[in-house]
Amino acid sequence: MIIEKVYSPIFDKDIKKDINNSPIWKDCYHQDDIPNEYRDINKTLYCYTIKFDGVTPIQVNNIEKV
């Protein structure tokens, strides 16, 4: 099991109900891969702390606005 932080401009308050079909996966990034457009302007991102089993997300531990 691995715990990763996933960043997305999409806020999904119901992600814990259906993590695999959450809309965040359409536009999400690892911290090192966040595009400059998000860094240069004050665009809101949400940080999802997610536990993975391999490449399958299995649990959301935390959501915070950054």
PDB file of N, CA and C in Angstrom:
ATOM      1  N   MET A   1       0.841  -1.183   0.000  1.00  0.00           N
ATOM      2  CA  MET A   1       0.000   0.000   0.000  1.00  0.00           C
ATOM      3  C   MET A   1       0.882   1.241   0.000  1.00  0.00           C
ATOM      4  N   ILE A   2       0.461   2.217  -0.760  1.00  0.00           N
ATOM      5  CA  ILE A   2       1.184   3.481  -0.864  1.00  0.00           C
ATOM      6  C   ILE A   2       0.194   4.614  -0.631  1.00  0.00           C
ATOM      7  N   ILE A   3       0.632   5.655   0.063  1.00  0.00           N
ATOM      8  CA  ILE A   3      -0.190   6.849   0.250  1.00  0.00           C
ATOM      9  C   ILE A   3       0.419   7.961  -0.594  1.00  0.00           C
ATOM     10  N   GLU A   4      -0.384   8.538  -1.477  1.00  0.00           N
ATOM     11  CA  GLU A   4       0.060   9.599  -2.380  1.00  0.00           C
ATOM     12  C   GLU A   4      -0.840  10.813  -2.246  1.00  0.00           C
ATOM     13  N   LYS A   5      -0.276  11.974  -2.570  1.00  0.00           N
ATOM     14  CA  LYS A   5      -1.070  13.203  -2.640  1.00  0.00           C
ATOM     15  C   LYS A   5      -1.348  13.479  -4.114  1.00  0.00           C
ATOM     16  N   VAL A   6      -2.630  13.667  -4.416  1.00  0.00           N
ATOM     17  CA  VAL A   6      -3.093  13.925  -5.773  1.00  0.00           C
ATOM     18  C   VAL A   6      -3.722  15.310  -5.775  1.00  0.00           C
ATOM     19  N   TYR A   7      -3.331  16.150  -6.736  1.00  0.00           N
ATOM     20  CA  TYR A   7      -3.825  17.523  -6.819  1.00  0.00           C
ATOM     21  C   TYR A   7      -4.770  17.664  -8.002  1.00  0.00           C
ATOM     22  N   SER A   8      -5.882  18.347  -7.776  1.00  0.00           N
ATOM     23  CA  SER A   8      -6.874  18.551  -8.821  1.00  0.00           C
ATOM     24  C   SER A   8      -7.608  19.874  -8.603  1.00  0.00           C
ATOM     25  N   PRO A   9      -7.992  20.560  -9.679  1.00  0.00           N
ATOM     26  CA  PRO A   9      -8.816  21.765  -9.529  1.00  0.00           C
ATOM     27  C   PRO A   9     -10.286  21.415  -9.258  1.00  0.00           C
ATOM     28  N   ILE A  10     -10.615  20.144  -9.333  1.00  0.00           N
ATOM     29  CA  ILE A  10     -11.990  19.688  -9.145  1.00  0.00           C
ATOM     30  C   ILE A  10     -12.195  19.266  -7.695  1.00  0.00           C
ATOM     31  N   PHE A  11     -13.231  19.793  -7.068  1.00  0.00           N
ATOM     32  CA  PHE A  11     -13.576  19.401  -5.706  1.00  0.00           C
ATOM     33  C   PHE A  11     -14.689  18.365  -5.765  1.00  0.00           C
ATOM     34  N   ASP A  12     -14.444  17.216  -5.187  1.00  0.00           N
ATOM     35  CA  ASP A  12     -15.445  16.149  -5.142  1.00  0.00           C
ATOM     36  C   ASP A  12     -15.715  15.778  -3.691  1.00  0.00           C
ATOM     37  N   LYS A  13     -16.786  16.313  -3.140  1.00  0.00           N
ATOM     38  CA  LYS A  13     -17.118  16.044  -1.729  1.00  0.00           C
ATOM     39  C   LYS A  13     -17.589  14.609  -1.534  1.00  0.00           C
ATOM     40  N   ASP A  14     -17.993  13.936  -2.603  1.00  0.00           N
ATOM     41  CA  ASP A  14     -18.500  12.565  -2.511  1.00  0.00           C
ATOM     42  C   ASP A  14     -17.479  11.523  -2.957  1.00  0.00           C
ATOM     43  N   ILE A  15     -16.210  11.889  -3.016  1.00  0.00           N
ATOM     44  CA  ILE A  15     -15.185  10.970  -3.511  1.00  0.00           C
ATOM     45  C   ILE A  15     -15.109   9.693  -2.681  1.00  0.00           C
ATOM     46  N   LYS A  16     -15.404   9.776  -1.406  1.00  0.00           N
ATOM     47  CA  LYS A  16     -15.311   8.588  -0.540  1.00  0.00           C
ATOM     48  C   LYS A  16     -16.388   7.553  -0.874  1.00  0.00           C
ATOM     49  N   LYS A  17     -17.470   7.978  -1.509  1.00  0.00           N
ATOM     50  CA  LYS A  17     -18.544   7.047  -1.873  1.00  0.00           C
ATOM     51  C   LYS A  17     -18.177   6.201  -3.099  1.00  0.00           C
ATOM     52  N   ASP A  18     -17.463   6.800  -4.055  1.00  0.00           N
ATOM     53  CA  ASP A  18     -17.095   6.092  -5.293  1.00  0.00           C
ATOM     54  C   ASP A  18     -15.777   6.645  -5.820  1.00  0.00           C
ATOM     55  N   ILE A  19     -14.697   6.257  -5.194  1.00  0.00           N
ATOM     56  CA  ILE A  19     -13.381   6.827  -5.492  1.00  0.00           C
ATOM     57  C   ILE A  19     -12.940   6.566  -6.934  1.00  0.00           C
ATOM     58  N   ASN A  20     -13.236   5.393  -7.473  1.00  0.00           N
ATOM     59  CA  ASN A  20     -12.766   5.049  -8.816  1.00  0.00           C
ATOM     60  C   ASN A  20     -13.443   5.853  -9.919  1.00  0.00           C
ATOM     61  N   ASN A  21     -14.656   6.302  -9.699  1.00  0.00           N
ATOM     62  CA  ASN A  21     -15.386   7.056 -10.720  1.00  0.00           C
ATOM     63  C   ASN A  21     -15.481   8.542 -10.404  1.00  0.00           C
ATOM     64  N   SER A  22     -14.619   9.027  -9.549  1.00  0.00           N
ATOM     65  CA  SER A  22     -14.623  10.439  -9.184  1.00  0.00           C
ATOM     66  C   SER A  22     -14.202  11.305 -10.379  1.00  0.00           C
ATOM     67  N   PRO A  23     -14.791  12.487 -10.524  1.00  0.00           N
ATOM     68  CA  PRO A  23     -14.404  13.382 -11.615  1.00  0.00           C
ATOM     69  C   PRO A  23     -12.989  13.946 -11.464  1.00  0.00           C
ATOM     70  N   ILE A  24     -12.346  13.816 -10.305  1.00  0.00           N
ATOM     71  CA  ILE A  24     -10.992  14.367 -10.147  1.00  0.00           C
ATOM     72  C   ILE A  24     -10.000  13.698 -11.080  1.00  0.00           C
ATOM     73  N   TRP A  25     -10.256  12.444 -11.460  1.00  0.00           N
ATOM     74  CA  TRP A  25      -9.304  11.702 -12.296  1.00  0.00           C
ATOM     75  C   TRP A  25      -9.213  12.259 -13.703  1.00  0.00           C
ATOM     76  N   LYS A  26     -10.174  13.085 -14.114  1.00  0.00           N
ATOM     77  CA  LYS A  26     -10.119  13.698 -15.447  1.00  0.00           C
ATOM     78  C   LYS A  26      -9.086  14.813 -15.520  1.00  0.00           C
ATOM     79  N   ASP A  27      -8.761  15.409 -14.365  1.00  0.00           N
ATOM     80  CA  ASP A  27      -7.811  16.522 -14.329  1.00  0.00           C
ATOM     81  C   ASP A  27      -7.086  16.490 -12.983  1.00  0.00           C
ATOM     82  N   CYS A  28      -6.096  15.594 -12.864  1.00  0.00           N
ATOM     83  CA  CYS A  28      -5.363  15.474 -11.604  1.00  0.00           C
ATOM     84  C   CYS A  28      -3.868  15.351 -11.869  1.00  0.00           C
ATOM     85  N   TYR A  29      -3.073  15.696 -10.863  1.00  0.00           N
ATOM     86  CA  TYR A  29      -1.625  15.768 -11.021  1.00  0.00           C
ATOM     87  C   TYR A  29      -0.911  15.302  -9.761  1.00  0.00           C
ATOM     88  N   HIS A  30       0.268  14.775  -9.958  1.00  0.00           N
ATOM     89  CA  HIS A  30       1.201  14.553  -8.849  1.00  0.00           C
ATOM     90  C   HIS A  30       1.845  15.904  -8.566  1.00  0.00           C
ATOM     91  N   GLN A  31       2.355  16.124  -7.373  1.00  0.00           N
ATOM     92  CA  GLN A  31       2.902  17.432  -6.998  1.00  0.00           C
ATOM     93  C   GLN A  31       3.986  17.901  -7.968  1.00  0.00           C
ATOM     94  N   ASP A  32       4.823  17.008  -8.445  1.00  0.00           N
ATOM     95  CA  ASP A  32       5.907  17.380  -9.366  1.00  0.00           C
ATOM     96  C   ASP A  32       5.417  17.694 -10.773  1.00  0.00           C
ATOM     97  N   ASP A  33       4.183  17.298 -11.098  1.00  0.00           N
ATOM     98  CA  ASP A  33       3.655  17.451 -12.455  1.00  0.00           C
ATOM     99  C   ASP A  33       2.619  18.556 -12.606  1.00  0.00           C
ATOM    100  N   ILE A  34       2.404  19.355 -11.575  1.00  0.00           N
ATOM    101  CA  ILE A  34       1.407  20.429 -11.655  1.00  0.00           C
ATOM    102  C   ILE A  34       1.851  21.437 -12.716  1.00  0.00           C
ATOM    103  N   PRO A  35       1.000  21.723 -13.711  1.00  0.00           N
ATOM    104  CA  PRO A  35       1.377  22.663 -14.772  1.00  0.00           C
ATOM    105  C   PRO A  35       1.657  24.071 -14.229  1.00  0.00           C
ATOM    106  N   ASN A  36       2.500  24.783 -14.928  1.00  0.00           N
ATOM    107  CA  ASN A  36       2.867  26.140 -14.525  1.00  0.00           C
ATOM    108  C   ASN A  36       1.667  27.071 -14.463  1.00  0.00           C
ATOM    109  N   GLU A  37       0.657  26.826 -15.277  1.00  0.00           N
ATOM    110  CA  GLU A  37      -0.519  27.698 -15.263  1.00  0.00           C
ATOM    111  C   GLU A  37      -1.203  27.692 -13.896  1.00  0.00           C
ATOM    112  N   TYR A  38      -1.118  26.585 -13.188  1.00  0.00           N
ATOM    113  CA  TYR A  38      -1.688  26.525 -11.839  1.00  0.00           C
ATOM    114  C   TYR A  38      -0.757  27.179 -10.825  1.00  0.00           C
ATOM    115  N   ARG A  39       0.527  27.125 -11.085  1.00  0.00           N
ATOM    116  CA  ARG A  39       1.501  27.721 -10.160  1.00  0.00           C
ATOM    117  C   ARG A  39       1.594  29.240 -10.330  1.00  0.00           C
ATOM    118  N   ASP A  40       1.482  29.721 -11.569  1.00  0.00           N
ATOM    119  CA  ASP A  40       1.670  31.137 -11.859  1.00  0.00           C
ATOM    120  C   ASP A  40       0.495  32.003 -11.412  1.00  0.00           C
ATOM    121  N   ILE A  41      -0.698  31.476 -11.519  1.00  0.00           N
ATOM    122  CA  ILE A  41      -1.871  32.233 -11.085  1.00  0.00           C
ATOM    123  C   ILE A  41      -2.412  31.584  -9.820  1.00  0.00           C
ATOM    124  N   ASN A  42      -3.220  32.282  -9.122  1.00  0.00           N
ATOM    125  CA  ASN A  42      -3.757  31.753  -7.867  1.00  0.00           C
ATOM    126  C   ASN A  42      -5.007  30.919  -8.120  1.00  0.00           C
ATOM    127  N   LYS A  43      -4.846  29.874  -8.908  1.00  0.00           N
ATOM    128  CA  LYS A  43      -5.959  28.978  -9.191  1.00  0.00           C
ATOM    129  C   LYS A  43      -6.060  27.964  -8.053  1.00  0.00           C
ATOM    130  N   THR A  44      -7.263  27.705  -7.602  1.00  0.00           N
ATOM    131  CA  THR A  44      -7.483  26.806  -6.479  1.00  0.00           C
ATOM    132  C   THR A  44      -7.242  25.361  -6.894  1.00  0.00           C
ATOM    133  N   LEU A  45      -6.479  24.667  -6.081  1.00  0.00           N
ATOM    134  CA  LEU A  45      -6.283  23.235  -6.237  1.00  0.00           C
ATOM    135  C   LEU A  45      -6.694  22.560  -4.941  1.00  0.00           C
ATOM    136  N   TYR A  46      -7.109  21.325  -5.054  1.00  0.00           N
ATOM    137  CA  TYR A  46      -7.452  20.521  -3.899  1.00  0.00           C
ATOM    138  C   TYR A  46      -6.465  19.365  -3.817  1.00  0.00           C
ATOM    139  N   CYS A  47      -5.977  19.111  -2.623  1.00  0.00           N
ATOM    140  CA  CYS A  47      -5.022  18.038  -2.393  1.00  0.00           C
ATOM    141  C   CYS A  47      -5.776  16.876  -1.751  1.00  0.00           C
ATOM    142  N   TYR A  48      -5.805  15.754  -2.453  1.00  0.00           N
ATOM    143  CA  TYR A  48      -6.439  14.535  -1.969  1.00  0.00           C
ATOM    144  C   TYR A  48      -5.340  13.580  -1.523  1.00  0.00           C
ATOM    145  N   THR A  49      -5.346  13.183  -0.272  1.00  0.00           N
ATOM    146  CA  THR A  49      -4.409  12.182   0.221  1.00  0.00           C
ATOM    147  C   THR A  49      -5.102  10.831   0.067  1.00  0.00           C
ATOM    148  N   ILE A  50      -4.544  10.012  -0.822  1.00  0.00           N
ATOM    149  CA  ILE A  50      -5.217   8.780  -1.230  1.00  0.00           C
ATOM    150  C   ILE A  50      -4.304   7.580  -1.017  1.00  0.00           C
ATOM    151  N   LYS A  51      -4.879   6.506  -0.495  1.00  0.00           N
ATOM    152  CA  LYS A  51      -4.159   5.251  -0.333  1.00  0.00           C
ATOM    153  C   LYS A  51      -4.403   4.402  -1.576  1.00  0.00           C
ATOM    154  N   PHE A  52      -3.306   3.912  -2.162  1.00  0.00           N
ATOM    155  CA  PHE A  52      -3.377   3.090  -3.368  1.00  0.00           C
ATOM    156  C   PHE A  52      -2.906   1.672  -3.078  1.00  0.00           C
ATOM    157  N   ASP A  53      -3.530   0.716  -3.736  1.00  0.00           N
ATOM    158  CA  ASP A  53      -3.056  -0.663  -3.771  1.00  0.00           C
ATOM    159  C   ASP A  53      -2.573  -0.882  -5.197  1.00  0.00           C
ATOM    160  N   GLY A  54      -1.268  -0.729  -5.410  1.00  0.00           N
ATOM    161  CA  GLY A  54      -0.732  -0.716  -6.771  1.00  0.00           C
ATOM    162  C   GLY A  54      -1.140   0.588  -7.427  1.00  0.00           C
ATOM    163  N   VAL A  55      -1.912   0.496  -8.502  1.00  0.00           N
ATOM    164  CA  VAL A  55      -2.404   1.712  -9.167  1.00  0.00           C
ATOM    165  C   VAL A  55      -3.893   1.939  -8.914  1.00  0.00           C
ATOM    166  N   THR A  56      -4.480   1.132  -8.056  1.00  0.00           N
ATOM    167  CA  THR A  56      -5.905   1.241  -7.758  1.00  0.00           C
ATOM    168  C   THR A  56      -6.114   2.054  -6.481  1.00  0.00           C
ATOM    169  N   PRO A  57      -6.849   3.181  -6.583  1.00  0.00           N
ATOM    170  CA  PRO A  57      -7.152   3.957  -5.370  1.00  0.00           C
ATOM    171  C   PRO A  57      -8.164   3.198  -4.515  1.00  0.00           C
ATOM    172  N   ILE A  58      -7.880   3.113  -3.208  1.00  0.00           N
ATOM    173  CA  ILE A  58      -8.789   2.350  -2.357  1.00  0.00           C
ATOM    174  C   ILE A  58      -9.375   3.148  -1.203  1.00  0.00           C
ATOM    175  N   GLN A  59      -8.697   4.267  -0.813  1.00  0.00           N
ATOM    176  CA  GLN A  59      -9.221   5.036   0.326  1.00  0.00           C
ATOM    177  C   GLN A  59      -8.735   6.477   0.258  1.00  0.00           C
ATOM    178  N   VAL A  60      -9.645   7.416   0.564  1.00  0.00           N
ATOM    179  CA  VAL A  60      -9.299   8.827   0.672  1.00  0.00           C
ATOM    180  C   VAL A  60      -9.117   9.141   2.148  1.00  0.00           C
ATOM    181  N   ASN A  61      -7.925   9.635   2.501  1.00  0.00           N
ATOM    182  CA  ASN A  61      -7.639   9.934   3.899  1.00  0.00           C
ATOM    183  C   ASN A  61      -7.913  11.390   4.263  1.00  0.00           C
ATOM    184  N   ASN A  62      -7.731  12.296   3.295  1.00  0.00           N
ATOM    185  CA  ASN A  62      -7.860  13.713   3.607  1.00  0.00           C
ATOM    186  C   ASN A  62      -8.090  14.501   2.324  1.00  0.00           C
ATOM    187  N   ILE A  63      -8.817  15.602   2.442  1.00  0.00           N
ATOM    188  CA  ILE A  63      -8.993  16.560   1.341  1.00  0.00           C
ATOM    189  C   ILE A  63      -8.717  17.934   1.906  1.00  0.00           C
ATOM    190  N   GLU A  64      -7.854  18.682   1.235  1.00  0.00           N
ATOM    191  CA  GLU A  64      -7.593  20.051   1.692  1.00  0.00           C
ATOM    192  C   GLU A  64      -7.440  20.989   0.490  1.00  0.00           C
ATOM    193  N   LYS A  65      -7.849  22.222   0.712  1.00  0.00           N
ATOM    194  CA  LYS A  65      -7.743  23.256  -0.304  1.00  0.00           C
ATOM    195  C   LYS A  65      -6.371  23.893  -0.196  1.00  0.00           C
ATOM    196  N   VAL A  66      -5.678  23.999  -1.349  1.00  0.00           N
ATOM    197  CA  VAL A  66      -4.337  24.618  -1.344  1.00  0.00           C
ATOM    198  C   VAL A  66      -4.295  25.819  -2.271  1.00  0.00           C
TER     199      VAL A  66
END
